Amino acid sequence: PTLARYNVSSPLADPNLELRDGNGVLVMANDNWKSSQQTELSATGYAPLTDSEPALVRTLSPGNYTAIVRGLNNTSGVALVEVYGIN
């Protein structure tokens, strides 16, 4: 939803985020960032601007990972996934 503030056409209205490991196993998922990890995400300084956006904080082992973004009820739209290394 924050993408609409930057005039992005057709932003995904209610995204859900999944993080999967190199074998496709679900590592973590989130729908609305304040529903879990609000304290951790706020502390990073990278919390989303809109409550309905997903976000995850996770320490990961080296390897391959896949981020999957889906819209509520399989809606479609434009999404942006950002990954940060936080020390």
PDB file of N, CA and C in Angstrom:
ATOM      1  N   PRO A   1       0.795  -1.220   0.000  1.00  0.00           N
ATOM      2  CA  PRO A   1       0.000   0.000   0.000  1.00  0.00           C
ATOM      3  C   PRO A   1       0.836   1.282   0.000  1.00  0.00           C
ATOM      4  N   THR A   2       2.023   1.248   0.601  1.00  0.00           N
ATOM      5  CA  THR A   2       2.874   2.434   0.600  1.00  0.00           C
ATOM      6  C   THR A   2       3.278   2.819  -0.816  1.00  0.00           C
ATOM      7  N   LEU A   3       3.342   1.855  -1.725  1.00  0.00           N
ATOM      8  CA  LEU A   3       3.723   2.161  -3.100  1.00  0.00           C
ATOM      9  C   LEU A   3       2.769   3.159  -3.750  1.00  0.00           C
ATOM     10  N   ALA A   4       1.514   3.171  -3.327  1.00  0.00           N
ATOM     11  CA  ALA A   4       0.549   4.126  -3.873  1.00  0.00           C
ATOM     12  C   ALA A   4       0.984   5.565  -3.593  1.00  0.00           C
ATOM     13  N   ARG A   5       1.694   5.781  -2.503  1.00  0.00           N
ATOM     14  CA  ARG A   5       2.192   7.125  -2.178  1.00  0.00           C
ATOM     15  C   ARG A   5       3.220   7.615  -3.194  1.00  0.00           C
ATOM     16  N   TYR A   6       3.813   6.668  -3.921  1.00  0.00           N
ATOM     17  CA  TYR A   6       4.848   6.998  -4.897  1.00  0.00           C
ATOM     18  C   TYR A   6       4.347   6.820  -6.326  1.00  0.00           C
ATOM     19  N   ASN A   7       3.027   6.874  -6.487  1.00  0.00           N
ATOM     20  CA  ASN A   7       2.378   6.804  -7.796  1.00  0.00           C
ATOM     21  C   ASN A   7       2.688   5.523  -8.571  1.00  0.00           C
ATOM     22  N   VAL A   8       2.869   4.418  -7.866  1.00  0.00           N
ATOM     23  CA  VAL A   8       3.048   3.120  -8.517  1.00  0.00           C
ATOM     24  C   VAL A   8       1.674   2.617  -8.933  1.00  0.00           C
ATOM     25  N   SER A   9       1.550   2.219 -10.187  1.00  0.00           N
ATOM     26  CA  SER A   9       0.277   1.711 -10.683  1.00  0.00           C
ATOM     27  C   SER A   9      -0.035   0.350 -10.078  1.00  0.00           C
ATOM     28  N   SER A  10      -1.252   0.154  -9.678  1.00  0.00           N
ATOM     29  CA  SER A  10      -1.770  -1.127  -9.188  1.00  0.00           C
ATOM     30  C   SER A  10      -0.972  -1.744  -8.046  1.00  0.00           C
ATOM     31  N   PRO A  11      -0.720  -1.007  -6.964  1.00  0.00           N
ATOM     32  CA  PRO A  11      -0.014  -1.633  -5.834  1.00  0.00           C
ATOM     33  C   PRO A  11      -0.875  -2.724  -5.203  1.00  0.00           C
ATOM     34  N   LEU A  12      -0.221  -3.770  -4.737  1.00  0.00           N
ATOM     35  CA  LEU A  12      -0.919  -4.867  -4.078  1.00  0.00           C
ATOM     36  C   LEU A  12      -1.543  -4.331  -2.792  1.00  0.00           C
ATOM     37  N   ALA A  13      -2.859  -4.427  -2.671  1.00  0.00           N
ATOM     38  CA  ALA A  13      -3.586  -3.765  -1.593  1.00  0.00           C
ATOM     39  C   ALA A  13      -3.360  -4.374  -0.212  1.00  0.00           C
ATOM     40  N   ASP A  14      -3.366  -5.675  -0.103  1.00  0.00           N
ATOM     41  CA  ASP A  14      -3.238  -6.324   1.205  1.00  0.00           C
ATOM     42  C   ASP A  14      -2.280  -7.508   1.081  1.00  0.00           C
ATOM     43  N   PRO A  15      -0.970  -7.228   1.024  1.00  0.00           N
ATOM     44  CA  PRO A  15       0.002  -8.292   0.783  1.00  0.00           C
ATOM     45  C   PRO A  15       0.257  -9.184   1.987  1.00  0.00           C
ATOM     46  N   ASN A  16       0.656 -10.409   1.680  1.00  0.00           N
ATOM     47  CA  ASN A  16       1.099 -11.390   2.659  1.00  0.00           C
ATOM     48  C   ASN A  16       2.491 -11.814   2.230  1.00  0.00           C
ATOM     49  N   LEU A  17       3.416 -11.954   3.172  1.00  0.00           N
ATOM     50  CA  LEU A  17       4.804 -12.286   2.872  1.00  0.00           C
ATOM     51  C   LEU A  17       5.178 -13.622   3.478  1.00  0.00           C
ATOM     52  N   GLU A  18       5.793 -14.480   2.670  1.00  0.00           N
ATOM     53  CA  GLU A  18       6.333 -15.752   3.143  1.00  0.00           C
ATOM     54  C   GLU A  18       7.823 -15.767   2.862  1.00  0.00           C
ATOM     55  N   LEU A  19       8.594 -16.323   3.775  1.00  0.00           N
ATOM     56  CA  LEU A  19      10.015 -16.557   3.567  1.00  0.00           C
ATOM     57  C   LEU A  19      10.225 -18.059   3.581  1.00  0.00           C
ATOM     58  N   ARG A  20      10.803 -18.592   2.510  1.00  0.00           N
ATOM     59  CA  ARG A  20      11.025 -20.036   2.389  1.00  0.00           C
ATOM     60  C   ARG A  20      12.506 -20.306   2.201  1.00  0.00           C
ATOM     61  N   ASP A  21      12.955 -21.435   2.737  1.00  0.00           N
ATOM     62  CA  ASP A  21      14.366 -21.792   2.604  1.00  0.00           C
ATOM     63  C   ASP A  21      14.624 -22.422   1.239  1.00  0.00           C
ATOM     64  N   GLY A  22      15.872 -22.813   0.994  1.00  0.00           N
ATOM     65  CA  GLY A  22      16.257 -23.376  -0.291  1.00  0.00           C
ATOM     66  C   GLY A  22      15.538 -24.651  -0.670  1.00  0.00           C
ATOM     67  N   ASN A  23      14.912 -25.313   0.293  1.00  0.00           N
ATOM     68  CA  ASN A  23      14.126 -26.523   0.030  1.00  0.00           C
ATOM     69  C   ASN A  23      12.637 -26.231  -0.103  1.00  0.00           C
ATOM     70  N   GLY A  24      12.264 -24.958  -0.008  1.00  0.00           N
ATOM     71  CA  GLY A  24      10.857 -24.582  -0.116  1.00  0.00           C
ATOM     72  C   GLY A  24      10.084 -24.661   1.181  1.00  0.00           C
ATOM     73  N   VAL A  25      10.787 -24.940   2.285  1.00  0.00           N
ATOM     74  CA  VAL A  25      10.132 -25.046   3.588  1.00  0.00           C
ATOM     75  C   VAL A  25       9.861 -23.639   4.135  1.00  0.00           C
ATOM     76  N   LEU A  26       8.649 -23.428   4.620  1.00  0.00           N
ATOM     77  CA  LEU A  26       8.280 -22.133   5.188  1.00  0.00           C
ATOM     78  C   LEU A  26       9.125 -21.849   6.427  1.00  0.00           C
ATOM     79  N   VAL A  27       9.832 -20.732   6.424  1.00  0.00           N
ATOM     80  CA  VAL A  27      10.647 -20.301   7.556  1.00  0.00           C
ATOM     81  C   VAL A  27       9.821 -19.379   8.451  1.00  0.00           C
ATOM     82  N   MET A  28       9.083 -18.480   7.811  1.00  0.00           N
ATOM     83  CA  MET A  28       8.331 -17.477   8.552  1.00  0.00           C
ATOM     84  C   MET A  28       7.346 -16.815   7.591  1.00  0.00           C
ATOM     85  N   ALA A  29       6.227 -16.318   8.121  1.00  0.00           N
ATOM     86  CA  ALA A  29       5.245 -15.611   7.306  1.00  0.00           C
ATOM     87  C   ALA A  29       4.642 -14.477   8.118  1.00  0.00           C
ATOM     88  N   ASN A  30       4.116 -13.473   7.403  1.00  0.00           N
ATOM     89  CA  ASN A  30       3.483 -12.348   8.076  1.00  0.00           C
ATOM     90  C   ASN A  30       2.462 -11.728   7.136  1.00  0.00           C
ATOM     91  N   ASP A  31       1.371 -11.237   7.720  1.00  0.00           N
ATOM     92  CA  ASP A  31       0.339 -10.555   6.950  1.00  0.00           C
ATOM     93  C   ASP A  31       0.369  -9.052   7.254  1.00  0.00           C
ATOM     94  N   ASN A  32       0.237  -8.693   8.501  1.00  0.00           N
ATOM     95  CA  ASN A  32       0.276  -7.292   8.925  1.00  0.00           C
ATOM     96  C   ASN A  32       1.399  -7.146   9.952  1.00  0.00           C
ATOM     97  N   TRP A  33       2.344  -6.277   9.686  1.00  0.00           N
ATOM     98  CA  TRP A  33       3.582  -6.256  10.460  1.00  0.00           C
ATOM     99  C   TRP A  33       3.382  -6.020  11.949  1.00  0.00           C
ATOM    100  N   LYS A  34       2.327  -5.335  12.348  1.00  0.00           N
ATOM    101  CA  LYS A  34       2.112  -5.093  13.776  1.00  0.00           C
ATOM    102  C   LYS A  34       1.503  -6.297  14.499  1.00  0.00           C
ATOM    103  N   SER A  35       1.060  -7.308  13.746  1.00  0.00           N
ATOM    104  CA  SER A  35       0.443  -8.473  14.380  1.00  0.00           C
ATOM    105  C   SER A  35       1.462  -9.356  15.097  1.00  0.00           C
ATOM    106  N   SER A  36       2.711  -9.242  14.703  1.00  0.00           N
ATOM    107  CA  SER A  36       3.790  -9.964  15.380  1.00  0.00           C
ATOM    108  C   SER A  36       5.082  -9.193  15.122  1.00  0.00           C
ATOM    109  N   GLN A  37       5.989  -9.244  16.045  1.00  0.00           N
ATOM    110  CA  GLN A  37       7.304  -8.621  15.918  1.00  0.00           C
ATOM    111  C   GLN A  37       7.272  -7.093  15.833  1.00  0.00           C
ATOM    112  N   GLN A  38       6.225  -6.463  16.303  1.00  0.00           N
ATOM    113  CA  GLN A  38       6.144  -5.004  16.221  1.00  0.00           C
ATOM    114  C   GLN A  38       7.334  -4.342  16.914  1.00  0.00           C
ATOM    115  N   THR A  39       7.690  -4.816  18.097  1.00  0.00           N
ATOM    116  CA  THR A  39       8.800  -4.226  18.842  1.00  0.00           C
ATOM    117  C   THR A  39      10.105  -4.381  18.068  1.00  0.00           C
ATOM    118  N   GLU A  40      10.366  -5.593  17.569  1.00  0.00           N
ATOM    119  CA  GLU A  40      11.604  -5.856  16.833  1.00  0.00           C
ATOM    120  C   GLU A  40      11.690  -5.029  15.554  1.00  0.00           C
ATOM    121  N   LEU A  41      10.593  -4.959  14.819  1.00  0.00           N
ATOM    122  CA  LEU A  41      10.589  -4.207  13.571  1.00  0.00           C
ATOM    123  C   LEU A  41      10.729  -2.712  13.810  1.00  0.00           C
ATOM    124  N   SER A  42      10.057  -2.191  14.794  1.00  0.00           N
ATOM    125  CA  SER A  42      10.177  -0.764  15.117  1.00  0.00           C
ATOM    126  C   SER A  42      11.612  -0.413  15.491  1.00  0.00           C
ATOM    127  N   ALA A  43      12.275  -1.302  16.210  1.00  0.00           N
ATOM    128  CA  ALA A  43      13.650  -1.049  16.650  1.00  0.00           C
ATOM    129  C   ALA A  43      14.635  -0.989  15.487  1.00  0.00           C
ATOM    130  N   THR A  44      14.311  -1.619  14.368  1.00  0.00           N
ATOM    131  CA  THR A  44      15.230  -1.613  13.222  1.00  0.00           C
ATOM    132  C   THR A  44      15.242  -0.282  12.485  1.00  0.00           C
ATOM    133  N   GLY A  45      14.165   0.475  12.601  1.00  0.00           N
ATOM    134  CA  GLY A  45      14.037   1.701  11.823  1.00  0.00           C
ATOM    135  C   GLY A  45      13.504   1.446  10.421  1.00  0.00           C
ATOM    136  N   TYR A  46      13.172   0.189  10.100  1.00  0.00           N
ATOM    137  CA  TYR A  46      12.670  -0.172   8.777  1.00  0.00           C
ATOM    138  C   TYR A  46      11.215  -0.634   8.798  1.00  0.00           C
ATOM    139  N   ALA A  47      10.480  -0.310   9.820  1.00  0.00           N
ATOM    140  CA  ALA A  47       9.079  -0.730   9.899  1.00  0.00           C
ATOM    141  C   ALA A  47       8.290  -0.100   8.749  1.00  0.00           C
ATOM    142  N   PRO A  48       7.353  -0.848   8.165  1.00  0.00           N
ATOM    143  CA  PRO A  48       6.534  -0.304   7.086  1.00  0.00           C
ATOM    144  C   PRO A  48       5.734   0.923   7.528  1.00  0.00           C
ATOM    145  N   LEU A  49       5.369   1.740   6.553  1.00  0.00           N
ATOM    146  CA  LEU A  49       4.589   2.945   6.835  1.00  0.00           C
ATOM    147  C   LEU A  49       3.108   2.645   7.007  1.00  0.00           C
ATOM    148  N   THR A  50       2.662   1.516   6.475  1.00  0.00           N
ATOM    149  CA  THR A  50       1.249   1.151   6.506  1.00  0.00           C
ATOM    150  C   THR A  50       1.072  -0.128   7.317  1.00  0.00           C
ATOM    151  N   ASP A  51       0.098  -0.122   8.238  1.00  0.00           N
ATOM    152  CA  ASP A  51      -0.111  -1.271   9.130  1.00  0.00           C
ATOM    153  C   ASP A  51      -0.436  -2.562   8.396  1.00  0.00           C
ATOM    154  N   SER A  52      -1.068  -2.484   7.233  1.00  0.00           N
ATOM    155  CA  SER A  52      -1.479  -3.693   6.516  1.00  0.00           C
ATOM    156  C   SER A  52      -0.349  -4.327   5.701  1.00  0.00           C
ATOM    157  N   GLU A  53       0.846  -3.779   5.786  1.00  0.00           N
ATOM    158  CA  GLU A  53       1.977  -4.355   5.055  1.00  0.00           C
ATOM    159  C   GLU A  53       2.694  -5.388   5.914  1.00  0.00           C
ATOM    160  N   PRO A  54       3.218  -6.432   5.290  1.00  0.00           N
ATOM    161  CA  PRO A  54       3.954  -7.447   6.037  1.00  0.00           C
ATOM    162  C   PRO A  54       5.423  -7.080   6.176  1.00  0.00           C
ATOM    163  N   ALA A  55       6.056  -7.611   7.192  1.00  0.00           N
ATOM    164  CA  ALA A  55       7.503  -7.464   7.383  1.00  0.00           C
ATOM    165  C   ALA A  55       7.961  -8.569   8.323  1.00  0.00           C
ATOM    166  N   LEU A  56       9.221  -8.939   8.196  1.00  0.00           N
ATOM    167  CA  LEU A  56       9.794  -9.999   9.019  1.00  0.00           C
ATOM    168  C   LEU A  56      11.164  -9.575   9.517  1.00  0.00           C
ATOM    169  N   VAL A  57      11.504  -9.983  10.725  1.00  0.00           N
ATOM    170  CA  VAL A  57      12.860  -9.864  11.249  1.00  0.00           C
ATOM    171  C   VAL A  57      13.290 -11.273  11.603  1.00  0.00           C
ATOM    172  N   ARG A  58      14.419 -11.686  11.054  1.00  0.00           N
ATOM    173  CA  ARG A  58      14.847 -13.063  11.287  1.00  0.00           C
ATOM    174  C   ARG A  58      16.355 -13.168  11.086  1.00  0.00           C
ATOM    175  N   THR A  59      17.024 -13.867  11.990  1.00  0.00           N
ATOM    176  CA  THR A  59      18.427 -14.218  11.798  1.00  0.00           C
ATOM    177  C   THR A  59      18.454 -15.491  10.969  1.00  0.00           C
ATOM    178  N   LEU A  60      19.185 -15.451   9.859  1.00  0.00           N
ATOM    179  CA  LEU A  60      19.205 -16.580   8.938  1.00  0.00           C
ATOM    180  C   LEU A  60      20.592 -17.181   8.823  1.00  0.00           C
ATOM    181  N   SER A  61      20.626 -18.470   8.647  1.00  0.00           N
ATOM    182  CA  SER A  61      21.871 -19.158   8.327  1.00  0.00           C
ATOM    183  C   SER A  61      22.197 -18.869   6.866  1.00  0.00           C
ATOM    184  N   PRO A  62      23.482 -18.932   6.501  1.00  0.00           N
ATOM    185  CA  PRO A  62      23.816 -18.746   5.087  1.00  0.00           C
ATOM    186  C   PRO A  62      23.058 -19.752   4.225  1.00  0.00           C
ATOM    187  N   GLY A  63      22.637 -19.324   3.065  1.00  0.00           N
ATOM    188  CA  GLY A  63      21.912 -20.208   2.162  1.00  0.00           C
ATOM    189  C   GLY A  63      21.027 -19.429   1.232  1.00  0.00           C
ATOM    190  N   ASN A  64      20.231 -20.140   0.481  1.00  0.00           N
ATOM    191  CA  ASN A  64      19.298 -19.536  -0.460  1.00  0.00           C
ATOM    192  C   ASN A  64      17.917 -19.445   0.173  1.00  0.00           C
ATOM    193  N   TYR A  65      17.248 -18.342  -0.085  1.00  0.00           N
ATOM    194  CA  TYR A  65      15.902 -18.114   0.440  1.00  0.00           C
ATOM    195  C   TYR A  65      15.043 -17.495  -0.653  1.00  0.00           C
ATOM    196  N   THR A  66      13.757 -17.688  -0.536  1.00  0.00           N
ATOM    197  CA  THR A  66      12.805 -17.109  -1.469  1.00  0.00           C
ATOM    198  C   THR A  66      11.751 -16.350  -0.687  1.00  0.00           C
ATOM    199  N   ALA A  67      11.488 -15.123  -1.115  1.00  0.00           N
ATOM    200  CA  ALA A  67      10.398 -14.331  -0.544  1.00  0.00           C
ATOM    201  C   ALA A  67       9.226 -14.409  -1.518  1.00  0.00           C
ATOM    202  N   ILE A  68       8.061 -14.757  -0.997  1.00  0.00           N
ATOM    203  CA  ILE A  68       6.856 -14.856  -1.814  1.00  0.00           C
ATOM    204  C   ILE A  68       5.845 -13.844  -1.272  1.00  0.00           C
ATOM    205  N   VAL A  69       5.341 -13.016  -2.164  1.00  0.00           N
ATOM    206  CA  VAL A  69       4.328 -12.018  -1.795  1.00  0.00           C
ATOM    207  C   VAL A  69       3.047 -12.362  -2.531  1.00  0.00           C
ATOM    208  N   ARG A  70       1.967 -12.452  -1.770  1.00  0.00           N
ATOM    209  CA  ARG A  70       0.649 -12.739  -2.342  1.00  0.00           C
ATOM    210  C   ARG A  70      -0.340 -11.716  -1.824  1.00  0.00           C
ATOM    211  N   GLY A  71      -1.350 -11.458  -2.618  1.00  0.00           N
ATOM    212  CA  GLY A  71      -2.422 -10.583  -2.184  1.00  0.00           C
ATOM    213  C   GLY A  71      -3.529 -11.367  -1.510  1.00  0.00           C
ATOM    214  N   LEU A  72      -4.279 -10.706  -0.647  1.00  0.00           N
ATOM    215  CA  LEU A  72      -5.420 -11.320   0.018  1.00  0.00           C
ATOM    216  C   LEU A  72      -6.374 -11.876  -1.026  1.00  0.00           C
ATOM    217  N   ASN A  73      -6.808 -13.111  -0.830  1.00  0.00           N
ATOM    218  CA  ASN A  73      -7.723 -13.788  -1.758  1.00  0.00           C
ATOM    219  C   ASN A  73      -7.159 -13.856  -3.172  1.00  0.00           C
ATOM    220  N   ASN A  74      -5.840 -14.013  -3.270  1.00  0.00           N
ATOM    221  CA  ASN A  74      -5.142 -14.138  -4.561  1.00  0.00           C
ATOM    222  C   ASN A  74      -5.306 -12.927  -5.468  1.00  0.00           C
ATOM    223  N   THR A  75      -5.463 -11.748  -4.878  1.00  0.00           N
ATOM    224  CA  THR A  75      -5.493 -10.545  -5.694  1.00  0.00           C
ATOM    225  C   THR A  75      -4.099 -10.302  -6.266  1.00  0.00           C
ATOM    226  N   SER A  76      -4.034  -9.521  -7.307  1.00  0.00           N
ATOM    227  CA  SER A  76      -2.745  -9.236  -7.923  1.00  0.00           C
ATOM    228  C   SER A  76      -2.442  -7.746  -7.848  1.00  0.00           C
ATOM    229  N   GLY A  77      -1.199  -7.434  -8.043  1.00  0.00           N
ATOM    230  CA  GLY A  77      -0.760  -6.051  -8.022  1.00  0.00           C
ATOM    231  C   GLY A  77       0.753  -5.997  -7.920  1.00  0.00           C
ATOM    232  N   VAL A  78       1.275  -4.809  -7.847  1.00  0.00           N
ATOM    233  CA  VAL A  78       2.717  -4.589  -7.783  1.00  0.00           C
ATOM    234  C   VAL A  78       3.163  -4.597  -6.326  1.00  0.00           C
ATOM    235  N   ALA A  79       4.262  -5.305  -6.062  1.00  0.00           N
ATOM    236  CA  ALA A  79       4.829  -5.371  -4.716  1.00  0.00           C
ATOM    237  C   ALA A  79       6.334  -5.137  -4.802  1.00  0.00           C
ATOM    238  N   LEU A  80       6.911  -4.699  -3.711  1.00  0.00           N
ATOM    239  CA  LEU A  80       8.352  -4.489  -3.607  1.00  0.00           C
ATOM    240  C   LEU A  80       8.845  -5.235  -2.384  1.00  0.00           C
ATOM    241  N   VAL A  81       9.879  -6.045  -2.560  1.00  0.00           N
ATOM    242  CA  VAL A  81      10.495  -6.752  -1.445  1.00  0.00           C
ATOM    243  C   VAL A  81      11.885  -6.176  -1.243  1.00  0.00           C
ATOM    244  N   GLU A  82      12.167  -5.764  -0.015  1.00  0.00           N
ATOM    245  CA  GLU A  82      13.491  -5.240   0.331  1.00  0.00           C
ATOM    246  C   GLU A  82      14.091  -6.132   1.426  1.00  0.00           C
ATOM    247  N   VAL A  83      15.380  -6.359   1.327  1.00  0.00           N
ATOM    248  CA  VAL A  83      16.093  -7.179   2.305  1.00  0.00           C
ATOM    249  C   VAL A  83      17.234  -6.339   2.867  1.00  0.00           C
ATOM    250  N   TYR A  84      17.356  -6.325   4.195  1.00  0.00           N
ATOM    251  CA  TYR A  84      18.395  -5.548   4.850  1.00  0.00           C
ATOM    252  C   TYR A  84      19.225  -6.446   5.750  1.00  0.00           C
ATOM    253  N   GLY A  85      20.519  -6.206   5.771  1.00  0.00           N
ATOM    254  CA  GLY A  85      21.392  -6.850   6.739  1.00  0.00           C
ATOM    255  C   GLY A  85      21.530  -5.908   7.923  1.00  0.00           C
ATOM    256  N   ILE A  86      21.050  -6.333   9.068  1.00  0.00           N
ATOM    257  CA  ILE A  86      21.052  -5.478  10.264  1.00  0.00           C
ATOM    258  C   ILE A  86      21.997  -6.081  11.290  1.00  0.00           C
ATOM    259  N   ASN A  87      22.919  -5.303  11.746  1.00  0.00           N
ATOM    260  CA  ASN A  87      23.873  -5.781  12.745  1.00  0.00           C
ATOM    261  C   ASN A  87      23.559  -5.176  14.094  1.00  0.00           C
TER     262      ASN A  87
END
